[in-house]
PDB file of N, CA and C in Angstrom:
ATOM      1  N   MET A   1       0.844  -1.177   0.000  1.00  0.00           N
ATOM      2  CA  MET A   1       0.000   0.000   0.000  1.00  0.00           C
ATOM      3  C   MET A   1       0.888   1.239   0.000  1.00  0.00           C
ATOM      4  N   PRO A   2       0.705   2.150  -0.934  1.00  0.00           N
ATOM      5  CA  PRO A   2       1.551   3.340  -0.997  1.00  0.00           C
ATOM      6  C   PRO A   2       1.296   4.285   0.175  1.00  0.00           C
ATOM      7  N   LEU A   3       2.363   4.875   0.693  1.00  0.00           N
ATOM      8  CA  LEU A   3       2.249   5.871   1.753  1.00  0.00           C
ATOM      9  C   LEU A   3       2.232   7.255   1.135  1.00  0.00           C
ATOM     10  N   LYS A   4       1.411   8.131   1.675  1.00  0.00           N
ATOM     11  CA  LYS A   4       1.356   9.510   1.198  1.00  0.00           C
ATOM     12  C   LYS A   4       1.015  10.409   2.375  1.00  0.00           C
ATOM     13  N   ASP A   5       1.984  11.166   2.845  1.00  0.00           N
ATOM     14  CA  ASP A   5       1.744  12.121   3.927  1.00  0.00           C
ATOM     15  C   ASP A   5       1.014  11.495   5.113  1.00  0.00           C
ATOM     16  N   ARG A   6       1.539  10.418   5.644  1.00  0.00           N
ATOM     17  CA  ARG A   6       0.974   9.710   6.796  1.00  0.00           C
ATOM     18  C   ARG A   6      -0.421   9.164   6.521  1.00  0.00           C
ATOM     19  N   THR A   7      -0.644   8.739   5.287  1.00  0.00           N
ATOM     20  CA  THR A   7      -1.874   8.028   4.963  1.00  0.00           C
ATOM     21  C   THR A   7      -1.512   6.780   4.173  1.00  0.00           C
ATOM     22  N   ILE A   8      -2.446   5.852   4.146  1.00  0.00           N
ATOM     23  CA  ILE A   8      -2.315   4.656   3.334  1.00  0.00           C
ATOM     24  C   ILE A   8      -3.467   4.690   2.338  1.00  0.00           C
ATOM     25  N   ILE A   9      -3.190   4.319   1.121  1.00  0.00           N
ATOM     26  CA  ILE A   9      -4.265   4.221   0.142  1.00  0.00           C
ATOM     27  C   ILE A   9      -4.744   2.775   0.146  1.00  0.00           C
ATOM     28  N   GLU A  10      -5.976   2.578   0.600  1.00  0.00           N
ATOM     29  CA  GLU A  10      -6.571   1.245   0.664  1.00  0.00           C
ATOM     30  C   GLU A  10      -7.972   1.325   0.092  1.00  0.00           C
ATOM     31  N   ASP A  11      -8.323   0.395  -0.760  1.00  0.00           N
ATOM     32  CA  ASP A  11      -9.641   0.376  -1.403  1.00  0.00           C
ATOM     33  C   ASP A  11      -9.940   1.708  -2.091  1.00  0.00           C
ATOM     34  N   GLY A  12      -8.900   2.366  -2.592  1.00  0.00           N
ATOM     35  CA  GLY A  12      -9.074   3.633  -3.285  1.00  0.00           C
ATOM     36  C   GLY A  12      -9.318   4.823  -2.375  1.00  0.00           C
ATOM     37  N   VAL A  13      -9.130   4.635  -1.068  1.00  0.00           N
ATOM     38  CA  VAL A  13      -9.394   5.685  -0.087  1.00  0.00           C
ATOM     39  C   VAL A  13      -8.103   5.986   0.666  1.00  0.00           C
ATOM     40  N   ASN A  14      -7.809   7.258   0.877  1.00  0.00           N
ATOM     41  CA  ASN A  14      -6.680   7.636   1.731  1.00  0.00           C
ATOM     42  C   ASN A  14      -7.132   7.520   3.177  1.00  0.00           C
ATOM     43  N   ILE A  15      -6.543   6.585   3.905  1.00  0.00           N
ATOM     44  CA  ILE A  15      -6.870   6.465   5.317  1.00  0.00           C
ATOM     45  C   ILE A  15      -5.650   6.897   6.124  1.00  0.00           C
ATOM     46  N   PRO A  16      -5.864   7.504   7.296  1.00  0.00           N
ATOM     47  CA  PRO A  16      -4.747   8.048   8.065  1.00  0.00           C
ATOM     48  C   PRO A  16      -3.924   6.969   8.746  1.00  0.00           C
ATOM     49  N   LEU A  17      -2.680   7.305   8.987  1.00  0.00           N
ATOM     50  CA  LEU A  17      -1.819   6.517   9.854  1.00  0.00           C
ATOM     51  C   LEU A  17      -1.754   7.238  11.194  1.00  0.00           C
ATOM     52  N   PRO A  18      -1.492   6.523  12.274  1.00  0.00           N
ATOM     53  CA  PRO A  18      -1.383   7.220  13.555  1.00  0.00           C
ATOM     54  C   PRO A  18      -0.191   8.175  13.537  1.00  0.00           C
ATOM     55  N   LEU A  19      -0.371   9.301  14.176  1.00  0.00           N
ATOM     56  CA  LEU A  19       0.724  10.249  14.332  1.00  0.00           C
ATOM     57  C   LEU A  19       1.722   9.678  15.332  1.00  0.00           C
ATOM     58  N   PRO A  20       2.980  10.084  15.271  1.00  0.00           N
ATOM     59  CA  PRO A  20       3.966   9.559  16.233  1.00  0.00           C
ATOM     60  C   PRO A  20       3.503   9.698  17.686  1.00  0.00           C
ATOM     61  N   ALA A  21       2.854  10.801  18.026  1.00  0.00           N
ATOM     62  CA  ALA A  21       2.386  11.012  19.400  1.00  0.00           C
ATOM     63  C   ALA A  21       1.233  10.083  19.775  1.00  0.00           C
ATOM     64  N   GLU A  22       0.569   9.486  18.797  1.00  0.00           N
ATOM     65  CA  GLU A  22      -0.575   8.592  19.047  1.00  0.00           C
ATOM     66  C   GLU A  22      -0.190   7.120  19.066  1.00  0.00           C
ATOM     67  N   GLU A  23       0.998   6.797  18.595  1.00  0.00           N
ATOM     68  CA  GLU A  23       1.334   5.392  18.336  1.00  0.00           C
ATOM     69  C   GLU A  23       1.205   4.485  19.553  1.00  0.00           C
ATOM     70  N   ALA A  24       1.681   4.915  20.720  1.00  0.00           N
ATOM     71  CA  ALA A  24       1.602   4.054  21.910  1.00  0.00           C
ATOM     72  C   ALA A  24       0.148   3.807  22.307  1.00  0.00           C
ATOM     73  N   GLU A  25      -0.657   4.862  22.324  1.00  0.00           N
ATOM     74  CA  GLU A  25      -2.065   4.712  22.684  1.00  0.00           C
ATOM     75  C   GLU A  25      -2.817   3.893  21.632  1.00  0.00           C
ATOM     76  N   PHE A  26      -2.465   4.087  20.355  1.00  0.00           N
ATOM     77  CA  PHE A  26      -3.090   3.310  19.279  1.00  0.00           C
ATOM     78  C   PHE A  26      -2.764   1.822  19.450  1.00  0.00           C
ATOM     79  N   GLU A  27      -1.528   1.499  19.790  1.00  0.00           N
ATOM     80  CA  GLU A  27      -1.143   0.098  20.018  1.00  0.00           C
ATOM     81  C   GLU A  27      -1.947  -0.505  21.167  1.00  0.00           C
ATOM     82  N   GLN A  28      -2.169   0.254  22.224  1.00  0.00           N
ATOM     83  CA  GLN A  28      -2.987  -0.225  23.351  1.00  0.00           C
ATOM     84  C   GLN A  28      -4.434  -0.461  22.892  1.00  0.00           C
ATOM     85  N   TRP A  29      -4.941   0.465  22.098  1.00  0.00           N
ATOM     86  CA  TRP A  29      -6.305   0.335  21.569  1.00  0.00           C
ATOM     87  C   TRP A  29      -6.424  -0.912  20.704  1.00  0.00           C
ATOM     88  N   LEU A  30      -5.422  -1.160  19.850  1.00  0.00           N
ATOM     89  CA  LEU A  30      -5.426  -2.359  19.008  1.00  0.00           C
ATOM     90  C   LEU A  30      -5.473  -3.620  19.864  1.00  0.00           C
ATOM     91  N   THR A  31      -4.666  -3.659  20.899  1.00  0.00           N
ATOM     92  CA  THR A  31      -4.626  -4.824  21.792  1.00  0.00           C
ATOM     93  C   THR A  31      -5.980  -5.018  22.477  1.00  0.00           C
ATOM     94  N   ARG A  32      -6.530  -3.920  22.999  1.00  0.00           N
ATOM     95  CA  ARG A  32      -7.823  -3.990  23.689  1.00  0.00           C
ATOM     96  C   ARG A  32      -8.929  -4.480  22.758  1.00  0.00           C
ATOM     97  N   ASN A  33      -8.836  -4.155  21.480  1.00  0.00           N
ATOM     98  CA  ASN A  33      -9.859  -4.532  20.509  1.00  0.00           C
ATOM     99  C   ASN A  33      -9.494  -5.775  19.705  1.00  0.00           C
ATOM    100  N   ASP A  34      -8.423  -6.461  20.106  1.00  0.00           N
ATOM    101  CA  ASP A  34      -7.982  -7.711  19.493  1.00  0.00           C
ATOM    102  C   ASP A  34      -7.783  -7.570  17.978  1.00  0.00           C
ATOM    103  N   ILE A  35      -7.064  -6.521  17.580  1.00  0.00           N
ATOM    104  CA  ILE A  35      -6.748  -6.292  16.169  1.00  0.00           C
ATOM    105  C   ILE A  35      -5.256  -6.554  15.992  1.00  0.00           C
ATOM    106  N   LYS A  36      -4.937  -7.554  15.194  1.00  0.00           N
ATOM    107  CA  LYS A  36      -3.539  -7.970  15.016  1.00  0.00           C
ATOM    108  C   LYS A  36      -2.834  -7.221  13.883  1.00  0.00           C
ATOM    109  N   GLU A  37      -3.514  -7.032  12.770  1.00  0.00           N
ATOM    110  CA  GLU A  37      -2.903  -6.404  11.590  1.00  0.00           C
ATOM    111  C   GLU A  37      -3.820  -5.309  11.050  1.00  0.00           C
ATOM    112  N   PRO A  38      -3.789  -4.120  11.649  1.00  0.00           N
ATOM    113  CA  PRO A  38      -4.751  -3.082  11.270  1.00  0.00           C
ATOM    114  C   PRO A  38      -4.625  -2.580   9.830  1.00  0.00           C
ATOM    115  N   PHE A  39      -3.467  -2.785   9.226  1.00  0.00           N
ATOM    116  CA  PHE A  39      -3.276  -2.270   7.866  1.00  0.00           C
ATOM    117  C   PHE A  39      -3.167  -3.389   6.833  1.00  0.00           C
ATOM    118  N   HIS A  40      -3.578  -4.590   7.213  1.00  0.00           N
ATOM    119  CA  HIS A  40      -3.566  -5.707   6.272  1.00  0.00           C
ATOM    120  C   HIS A  40      -4.564  -5.425   5.160  1.00  0.00           C
ATOM    121  N   VAL A  41      -4.204  -5.801   3.952  1.00  0.00           N
ATOM    122  CA  VAL A  41      -5.018  -5.510   2.773  1.00  0.00           C
ATOM    123  C   VAL A  41      -6.430  -6.084   2.869  1.00  0.00           C
ATOM    124  N   ASP A  42      -6.643  -7.131   3.652  1.00  0.00           N
ATOM    125  CA  ASP A  42      -7.972  -7.741   3.770  1.00  0.00           C
ATOM    126  C   ASP A  42      -8.826  -7.145   4.895  1.00  0.00           C
ATOM    127  N   GLN A  43      -8.329  -6.166   5.621  1.00  0.00           N
ATOM    128  CA  GLN A  43      -9.098  -5.594   6.730  1.00  0.00           C
ATOM    129  C   GLN A  43     -10.282  -4.754   6.249  1.00  0.00           C
ATOM    130  N   HIS A  44     -10.070  -3.886   5.281  1.00  0.00           N
ATOM    131  CA  HIS A  44     -11.137  -3.047   4.725  1.00  0.00           C
ATOM    132  C   HIS A  44     -11.840  -2.210   5.794  1.00  0.00           C
ATOM    133  N   TYR A  45     -11.051  -1.687   6.747  1.00  0.00           N
ATOM    134  CA  TYR A  45     -11.622  -0.860   7.809  1.00  0.00           C
ATOM    135  C   TYR A  45     -10.597   0.189   8.210  1.00  0.00           C
ATOM    136  N   ASP A  46     -11.056   1.393   8.453  1.00  0.00           N
ATOM    137  CA  ASP A  46     -10.198   2.502   8.876  1.00  0.00           C
ATOM    138  C   ASP A  46     -10.133   2.508  10.406  1.00  0.00           C
ATOM    139  N   TYR A  47      -9.206   1.697  10.943  1.00  0.00           N
ATOM    140  CA  TYR A  47      -9.087   1.573  12.387  1.00  0.00           C
ATOM    141  C   TYR A  47      -8.536   2.835  13.035  1.00  0.00           C
ATOM    142  N   VAL A  48      -7.696   3.573  12.353  1.00  0.00           N
ATOM    143  CA  VAL A  48      -7.137   4.793  12.943  1.00  0.00           C
ATOM    144  C   VAL A  48      -8.254   5.809  13.211  1.00  0.00           C
ATOM    145  N   SER A  49      -9.158   5.980  12.264  1.00  0.00           N
ATOM    146  CA  SER A  49     -10.268   6.915  12.483  1.00  0.00           C
ATOM    147  C   SER A  49     -11.196   6.424  13.590  1.00  0.00           C
ATOM    148  N   ALA A  50     -11.416   5.106  13.677  1.00  0.00           N
ATOM    149  CA  ALA A  50     -12.233   4.557  14.771  1.00  0.00           C
ATOM    150  C   ALA A  50     -11.551   4.827  16.113  1.00  0.00           C
ATOM    151  N   PHE A  51     -10.239   4.625  16.167  1.00  0.00           N
ATOM    152  CA  PHE A  51      -9.458   4.916  17.378  1.00  0.00           C
ATOM    153  C   PHE A  51      -9.605   6.388  17.757  1.00  0.00           C
ATOM    154  N   ARG A  52      -9.419   7.262  16.795  1.00  0.00           N
ATOM    155  CA  ARG A  52      -9.494   8.703  17.074  1.00  0.00           C
ATOM    156  C   ARG A  52     -10.890   9.130  17.519  1.00  0.00           C
ATOM    157  N   ALA A  53     -11.913   8.419  17.066  1.00  0.00           N
ATOM    158  CA  ALA A  53     -13.294   8.722  17.454  1.00  0.00           C
ATOM    159  C   ALA A  53     -13.658   8.097  18.805  1.00  0.00           C
ATOM    160  N   GLY A  54     -12.754   7.296  19.377  1.00  0.00           N
ATOM    161  CA  GLY A  54     -13.021   6.665  20.668  1.00  0.00           C
ATOM    162  C   GLY A  54     -13.961   5.476  20.577  1.00  0.00           C
ATOM    163  N   ILE A  55     -13.993   4.823  19.427  1.00  0.00           N
ATOM    164  CA  ILE A  55     -14.896   3.689  19.205  1.00  0.00           C
ATOM    165  C   ILE A  55     -14.167   2.377  19.495  1.00  0.00           C
ATOM    166  N   ASP A  56     -14.820   1.510  20.257  1.00  0.00           N
ATOM    167  CA  ASP A  56     -14.319   0.158  20.506  1.00  0.00           C
ATOM    168  C   ASP A  56     -15.281  -0.841  19.875  1.00  0.00           C
ATOM    169  N   ARG A  57     -14.814  -2.103  19.784  1.00  0.00           N
ATOM    170  CA  ARG A  57     -15.707  -3.170  19.302  1.00  0.00           C
ATOM    171  C   ARG A  57     -16.944  -3.224  20.182  1.00  0.00           C
ATOM    172  N   ASP A  58     -18.076  -3.543  19.571  1.00  0.00           N
ATOM    173  CA  ASP A  58     -19.312  -3.744  20.310  1.00  0.00           C
ATOM    174  C   ASP A  58     -19.130  -4.955  21.218  1.00  0.00           C
ATOM    175  N   ALA A  59     -19.444  -4.810  22.488  1.00  0.00           N
ATOM    176  CA  ALA A  59     -19.236  -5.895  23.457  1.00  0.00           C
ATOM    177  C   ALA A  59     -20.098  -7.118  23.148  1.00  0.00           C
ATOM    178  N   GLU A  60     -21.270  -6.914  22.568  1.00  0.00           N
ATOM    179  CA  GLU A  60     -22.176  -8.031  22.302  1.00  0.00           C
ATOM    180  C   GLU A  60     -21.829  -8.807  21.040  1.00  0.00           C
ATOM    181  N   ASN A  61     -21.509  -8.105  19.953  1.00  0.00           N
ATOM    182  CA  ASN A  61     -21.281  -8.831  18.696  1.00  0.00           C
ATOM    183  C   ASN A  61     -19.843  -8.757  18.190  1.00  0.00           C
ATOM    184  N   ALA A  62     -18.972  -8.085  18.921  1.00  0.00           N
ATOM    185  CA  ALA A  62     -17.541  -7.977  18.595  1.00  0.00           C
ATOM    186  C   ALA A  62     -17.272  -7.285  17.257  1.00  0.00           C
ATOM    187  N   HIS A  63     -18.229  -6.497  16.780  1.00  0.00           N
ATOM    188  CA  HIS A  63     -18.064  -5.772  15.518  1.00  0.00           C
ATOM    189  C   HIS A  63     -17.881  -4.286  15.778  1.00  0.00           C
ATOM    190  N   PHE A  64     -17.330  -3.608  14.784  1.00  0.00           N
ATOM    191  CA  PHE A  64     -17.256  -2.158  14.785  1.00  0.00           C
ATOM    192  C   PHE A  64     -18.420  -1.633  13.948  1.00  0.00           C
ATOM    193  N   PRO A  65     -18.815  -0.372  14.156  1.00  0.00           N
ATOM    194  CA  PRO A  65     -19.891   0.173  13.321  1.00  0.00           C
ATOM    195  C   PRO A  65     -19.443   0.340  11.876  1.00  0.00           C
ATOM    196  N   ASP A  66     -20.384   0.532  10.995  1.00  0.00           N
ATOM    197  CA  ASP A  66     -20.092   0.690   9.564  1.00  0.00           C
ATOM    198  C   ASP A  66     -19.400   2.014   9.244  1.00  0.00           C
ATOM    199  N   THR A  67     -19.384   2.925  10.155  1.00  0.00           N
ATOM    200  CA  THR A  67     -18.869   4.279   9.932  1.00  0.00           C
ATOM    201  C   THR A  67     -17.546   4.317   9.187  1.00  0.00           C
ATOM    202  N   TYR A  68     -16.632   3.420   9.518  1.00  0.00           N
ATOM    203  CA  TYR A  68     -15.281   3.464   8.946  1.00  0.00           C
ATOM    204  C   TYR A  68     -14.976   2.267   8.036  1.00  0.00           C
ATOM    205  N   LYS A  69     -16.017   1.535   7.600  1.00  0.00           N
ATOM    206  CA  LYS A  69     -15.788   0.457   6.640  1.00  0.00           C
ATOM    207  C   LYS A  69     -15.342   1.063   5.316  1.00  0.00           C
ATOM    208  N   LEU A  70     -14.431   0.358   4.648  1.00  0.00           N
ATOM    209  CA  LEU A  70     -13.918   0.803   3.357  1.00  0.00           C
ATOM    210  C   LEU A  70     -14.648   0.076   2.237  1.00  0.00           C
ATOM    211  N   PRO A  71     -14.618   0.628   1.028  1.00  0.00           N
ATOM    212  CA  PRO A  71     -15.390   0.059  -0.081  1.00  0.00           C
ATOM    213  C   PRO A  71     -15.144  -1.424  -0.379  1.00  0.00           C
ATOM    214  N   GLY A  72     -14.020  -1.990  -0.020  1.00  0.00           N
ATOM    215  CA  GLY A  72     -13.774  -3.404  -0.284  1.00  0.00           C
ATOM    216  C   GLY A  72     -14.385  -4.354   0.725  1.00  0.00           C
ATOM    217  N   HIS A  73     -14.975  -3.834   1.790  1.00  0.00           N
ATOM    218  CA  HIS A  73     -15.564  -4.677   2.836  1.00  0.00           C
ATOM    219  C   HIS A  73     -16.787  -5.399   2.278  1.00  0.00           C
ATOM    220  N   PRO A  74     -16.953  -6.700   2.607  1.00  0.00           N
ATOM    221  CA  PRO A  74     -18.094  -7.453   2.058  1.00  0.00           C
ATOM    222  C   PRO A  74     -19.459  -6.879   2.435  1.00  0.00           C
ATOM    223  N   THR A  75     -19.543  -6.167   3.564  1.00  0.00           N
ATOM    224  CA  THR A  75     -20.809  -5.535   3.935  1.00  0.00           C
ATOM    225  C   THR A  75     -20.655  -4.008   3.968  1.00  0.00           C
ATOM    226  N   PHE A  76     -19.922  -3.489   2.996  1.00  0.00           N
ATOM    227  CA  PHE A  76     -19.797  -2.033   2.861  1.00  0.00           C
ATOM    228  C   PHE A  76     -21.196  -1.455   2.679  1.00  0.00           C
ATOM    229  N   SER A  77     -21.506  -0.421   3.441  1.00  0.00           N
ATOM    230  CA  SER A  77     -22.878   0.102   3.408  1.00  0.00           C
ATOM    231  C   SER A  77     -22.909   1.615   3.220  1.00  0.00           C
ATOM    232  N   ILE A  78     -24.115   2.087   3.001  1.00  0.00           N
ATOM    233  CA  ILE A  78     -24.332   3.516   2.848  1.00  0.00           C
ATOM    234  C   ILE A  78     -24.108   4.251   4.167  1.00  0.00           C
ATOM    235  N   GLU A  79     -23.891   3.521   5.257  1.00  0.00           N
ATOM    236  CA  GLU A  79     -23.616   4.127   6.551  1.00  0.00           C
ATOM    237  C   GLU A  79     -22.146   4.487   6.727  1.00  0.00           C
ATOM    238  N   SER A  80     -21.298   4.061   5.808  1.00  0.00           N
ATOM    239  CA  SER A  80     -19.875   4.377   5.888  1.00  0.00           C
ATOM    240  C   SER A  80     -19.641   5.836   5.502  1.00  0.00           C
ATOM    241  N   GLN A  81     -18.706   6.468   6.195  1.00  0.00           N
ATOM    242  CA  GLN A  81     -18.364   7.842   5.819  1.00  0.00           C
ATOM    243  C   GLN A  81     -17.704   7.885   4.442  1.00  0.00           C
ATOM    244  N   TYR A  82     -17.262   6.739   3.948  1.00  0.00           N
ATOM    245  CA  TYR A  82     -16.596   6.672   2.650  1.00  0.00           C
ATOM    246  C   TYR A  82     -17.558   6.357   1.494  1.00  0.00           C
ATOM    247  N   TYR A  83     -18.814   6.122   1.817  1.00  0.00           N
ATOM    248  CA  TYR A  83     -19.800   5.831   0.775  1.00  0.00           C
ATOM    249  C   TYR A  83     -20.087   7.080  -0.044  1.00  0.00           C
ATOM    250  N   LYS A  84     -20.173   6.877  -1.345  1.00  0.00           N
ATOM    251  CA  LYS A  84     -20.611   7.927  -2.269  1.00  0.00           C
ATOM    252  C   LYS A  84     -21.646   7.291  -3.199  1.00  0.00           C
ATOM    253  N   PRO A  85     -22.671   8.065  -3.578  1.00  0.00           N
ATOM    254  CA  PRO A  85     -23.692   7.504  -4.473  1.00  0.00           C
ATOM    255  C   PRO A  85     -23.060   6.854  -5.699  1.00  0.00           C
ATOM    256  N   GLY A  86     -23.585   5.702  -6.048  1.00  0.00           N
ATOM    257  CA  GLY A  86     -23.086   4.948  -7.192  1.00  0.00           C
ATOM    258  C   GLY A  86     -22.116   3.847  -6.815  1.00  0.00           C
ATOM    259  N   MET A  87     -21.592   3.874  -5.566  1.00  0.00           N
ATOM    260  CA  MET A  87     -20.682   2.805  -5.133  1.00  0.00           C
ATOM    261  C   MET A  87     -21.479   1.533  -4.864  1.00  0.00           C
ATOM    262  N   LYS A  88     -20.832   0.400  -5.061  1.00  0.00           N
ATOM    263  CA  LYS A  88     -21.448  -0.873  -4.711  1.00  0.00           C
ATOM    264  C   LYS A  88     -21.535  -0.935  -3.192  1.00  0.00           C
ATOM    265  N   ALA A  89     -22.746  -1.000  -2.693  1.00  0.00           N
ATOM    266  CA  ALA A  89     -22.967  -0.982  -1.247  1.00  0.00           C
ATOM    267  C   ALA A  89     -24.291  -1.642  -0.933  1.00  0.00           C
ATOM    268  N   GLY A  90     -24.669  -1.565   0.308  1.00  0.00           N
ATOM    269  CA  GLY A  90     -25.943  -2.077   0.768  1.00  0.00           C
ATOM    270  C   GLY A  90     -26.392  -1.255   1.956  1.00  0.00           C
ATOM    271  N   TYR A  91     -27.349  -1.774   2.672  1.00  0.00           N
ATOM    272  CA  TYR A  91     -27.812  -1.114   3.887  1.00  0.00           C
ATOM    273  C   TYR A  91     -28.268  -2.181   4.866  1.00  0.00           C
ATOM    274  N   TRP A  92     -28.482  -1.781   6.097  1.00  0.00           N
ATOM    275  CA  TRP A  92     -28.885  -2.703   7.147  1.00  0.00           C
ATOM    276  C   TRP A  92     -30.355  -2.515   7.473  1.00  0.00           C
ATOM    277  N   LYS A  93     -31.044  -3.631   7.598  1.00  0.00           N
ATOM    278  CA  LYS A  93     -32.427  -3.647   8.079  1.00  0.00           C
ATOM    279  C   LYS A  93     -32.387  -4.533   9.312  1.00  0.00           C
ATOM    280  N   GLY A  94     -32.257  -3.901  10.476  1.00  0.00           N
ATOM    281  CA  GLY A  94     -32.011  -4.650  11.701  1.00  0.00           C
ATOM    282  C   GLY A  94     -30.635  -5.283  11.606  1.00  0.00           C
ATOM    283  N   ASP A  95     -30.573  -6.590  11.793  1.00  0.00           N
ATOM    284  CA  ASP A  95     -29.302  -7.315  11.698  1.00  0.00           C
ATOM    285  C   ASP A  95     -29.057  -7.898  10.310  1.00  0.00           C
ATOM    286  N   GLU A  96     -29.935  -7.613   9.365  1.00  0.00           N
ATOM    287  CA  GLU A  96     -29.809  -8.174   8.024  1.00  0.00           C
ATOM    288  C   GLU A  96     -29.180  -7.158   7.068  1.00  0.00           C
ATOM    289  N   TYR A  97     -28.127  -7.589   6.389  1.00  0.00           N
ATOM    290  CA  TYR A  97     -27.480  -6.751   5.379  1.00  0.00           C
ATOM    291  C   TYR A  97     -28.225  -6.928   4.063  1.00  0.00           C
ATOM    292  N   ILE A  98     -28.663  -5.832   3.477  1.00  0.00           N
ATOM    293  CA  ILE A  98     -29.399  -5.859   2.216  1.00  0.00           C
ATOM    294  C   ILE A  98     -28.479  -5.294   1.136  1.00  0.00           C
ATOM    295  N   PRO A  99     -27.934  -6.159   0.252  1.00  0.00           N
ATOM    296  CA  PRO A  99     -27.062  -5.652  -0.811  1.00  0.00           C
ATOM    297  C   PRO A  99     -27.870  -4.987  -1.914  1.00  0.00           C
ATOM    298  N   ILE A 100     -27.151  -4.364  -2.830  1.00  0.00           N
ATOM    299  CA  ILE A 100     -27.823  -3.754  -3.964  1.00  0.00           C
ATOM    300  C   ILE A 100     -28.632  -4.812  -4.703  1.00  0.00           C
ATOM    301  N   LYS A 101     -29.741  -4.387  -5.269  1.00  0.00           N
ATOM    302  CA  LYS A 101     -30.636  -5.304  -5.975  1.00  0.00           C
ATOM    303  C   LYS A 101     -30.523  -5.120  -7.474  1.00  0.00           C
ATOM    304  N   ASN A 102     -30.781  -6.174  -8.185  1.00  0.00           N
ATOM    305  CA  ASN A 102     -30.906  -6.146  -9.643  1.00  0.00           C
ATOM    306  C   ASN A 102     -29.714  -5.540 -10.366  1.00  0.00           C
ATOM    307  N   GLY A 103     -28.527  -5.688  -9.811  1.00  0.00           N
ATOM    308  CA  GLY A 103     -27.340  -5.180 -10.484  1.00  0.00           C
ATOM    309  C   GLY A 103     -27.247  -3.669 -10.510  1.00  0.00           C
ATOM    310  N   SER A 104     -28.080  -2.976  -9.751  1.00  0.00           N
ATOM    311  CA  SER A 104     -28.033  -1.519  -9.713  1.00  0.00           C
ATOM    312  C   SER A 104     -26.728  -1.064  -9.079  1.00  0.00           C
ATOM    313  N   SER A 105     -26.305   0.133  -9.377  1.00  0.00           N
ATOM    314  CA  SER A 105     -25.072   0.643  -8.773  1.00  0.00           C
ATOM    315  C   SER A 105     -25.350   1.414  -7.496  1.00  0.00           C
ATOM    316  N   THR A 106     -26.605   1.496  -7.084  1.00  0.00           N
ATOM    317  CA  THR A 106     -26.934   2.157  -5.828  1.00  0.00           C
ATOM    318  C   THR A 106     -27.836   1.244  -5.013  1.00  0.00           C
ATOM    319  N   PRO A 107     -27.786   1.359  -3.674  1.00  0.00           N
ATOM    320  CA  PRO A 107     -28.641   0.511  -2.855  1.00  0.00           C
ATOM    321  C   PRO A 107     -30.110   0.824  -3.113  1.00  0.00           C
ATOM    322  N   GLN A 108     -30.903  -0.218  -3.209  1.00  0.00           N
ATOM    323  CA  GLN A 108     -32.336  -0.054  -3.423  1.00  0.00           C
ATOM    324  C   GLN A 108     -33.045  -0.386  -2.118  1.00  0.00           C
ATOM    325  N   MET A 109     -33.735   0.557  -1.562  1.00  0.00           N
ATOM    326  CA  MET A 109     -34.494   0.276  -0.355  1.00  0.00           C
ATOM    327  C   MET A 109     -35.915   0.763  -0.550  1.00  0.00           C
ATOM    328  N   ASP A 110     -36.830   0.107   0.165  1.00  0.00           N
ATOM    329  CA  ASP A 110     -38.201   0.570   0.029  1.00  0.00           C
ATOM    330  C   ASP A 110     -38.363   1.886   0.786  1.00  0.00           C
ATOM    331  N   MET A 111     -39.438   2.601   0.529  1.00  0.00           N
ATOM    332  CA  MET A 111     -39.623   3.937   1.093  1.00  0.00           C
ATOM    333  C   MET A 111     -39.618   3.917   2.614  1.00  0.00           C
ATOM    334  N   GLU A 112     -40.209   2.904   3.229  1.00  0.00           N
ATOM    335  CA  GLU A 112     -40.230   2.819   4.685  1.00  0.00           C
ATOM    336  C   GLU A 112     -38.809   2.736   5.244  1.00  0.00           C
ATOM    337  N   ASP A 113     -37.972   1.883   4.645  1.00  0.00           N
ATOM    338  CA  ASP A 113     -36.583   1.777   5.089  1.00  0.00           C
ATOM    339  C   ASP A 113     -35.838   3.078   4.857  1.00  0.00           C
ATOM    340  N   TYR A 114     -36.074   3.699   3.711  1.00  0.00           N
ATOM    341  CA  TYR A 114     -35.393   4.957   3.398  1.00  0.00           C
ATOM    342  C   TYR A 114     -35.730   6.031   4.431  1.00  0.00           C
ATOM    343  N   LEU A 115     -37.012   6.156   4.783  1.00  0.00           N
ATOM    344  CA  LEU A 115     -37.423   7.159   5.752  1.00  0.00           C
ATOM    345  C   LEU A 115     -36.818   6.871   7.123  1.00  0.00           C
ATOM    346  N   LYS A 116     -36.764   5.603   7.511  1.00  0.00           N
ATOM    347  CA  LYS A 116     -36.120   5.251   8.778  1.00  0.00           C
ATOM    348  C   LYS A 116     -34.653   5.609   8.752  1.00  0.00           C
ATOM    349  N   TYR A 117     -33.989   5.278   7.626  1.00  0.00           N
ATOM    350  CA  TYR A 117     -32.566   5.564   7.494  1.00  0.00           C
ATOM    351  C   TYR A 117     -32.299   7.065   7.591  1.00  0.00           C
ATOM    352  N   ARG A 118     -33.125   7.843   6.987  1.00  0.00           N
ATOM    353  CA  ARG A 118     -32.958   9.300   6.987  1.00  0.00           C
ATOM    354  C   ARG A 118     -33.527   9.950   8.255  1.00  0.00           C
ATOM    355  N   GLY A 119     -34.067   9.140   9.182  1.00  0.00           N
ATOM    356  CA  GLY A 119     -34.571   9.664  10.432  1.00  0.00           C
ATOM    357  C   GLY A 119     -35.892  10.425  10.316  1.00  0.00           C
ATOM    358  N   LYS A 120     -36.654  10.127   9.300  1.00  0.00           N
ATOM    359  CA  LYS A 120     -37.909  10.825   9.073  1.00  0.00           C
ATOM    360  C   LYS A 120     -39.096  10.067   9.643  1.00  0.00           C
ATOM    361  N   LYS A 121     -38.853   8.865  10.154  1.00  0.00           N
ATOM    362  CA  LYS A 121     -39.968   8.078  10.658  1.00  0.00           C
ATOM    363  C   LYS A 121     -39.644   7.536  12.006  1.00  0.00           C
TER     364      LYS A 121
END
């Protein structure tokens, strides 16, 4: 992965690297969250941004929120800060991941789900 000004380019996204002053605390955070290789090509998650936001794995399901998932993640969703319209993604309906339908390049959700997602219902 190419380095550019303390970032790594992964899944076509520039993700930050920890600053020298953050490295010790970031290593502790990685240990606490049982993350062995945060920059491995198969991770597809921006762990540095999750660390900086103070986010830990969910105690019940051991997952991180979609907020920092990268486009290569198998359940990349419209909830990721890296999502842009037209990207291959999906959305969550409860615990069920709903991928794009019918080969569309945007997630297809019914109006009820859309209103819930947008906080209108």
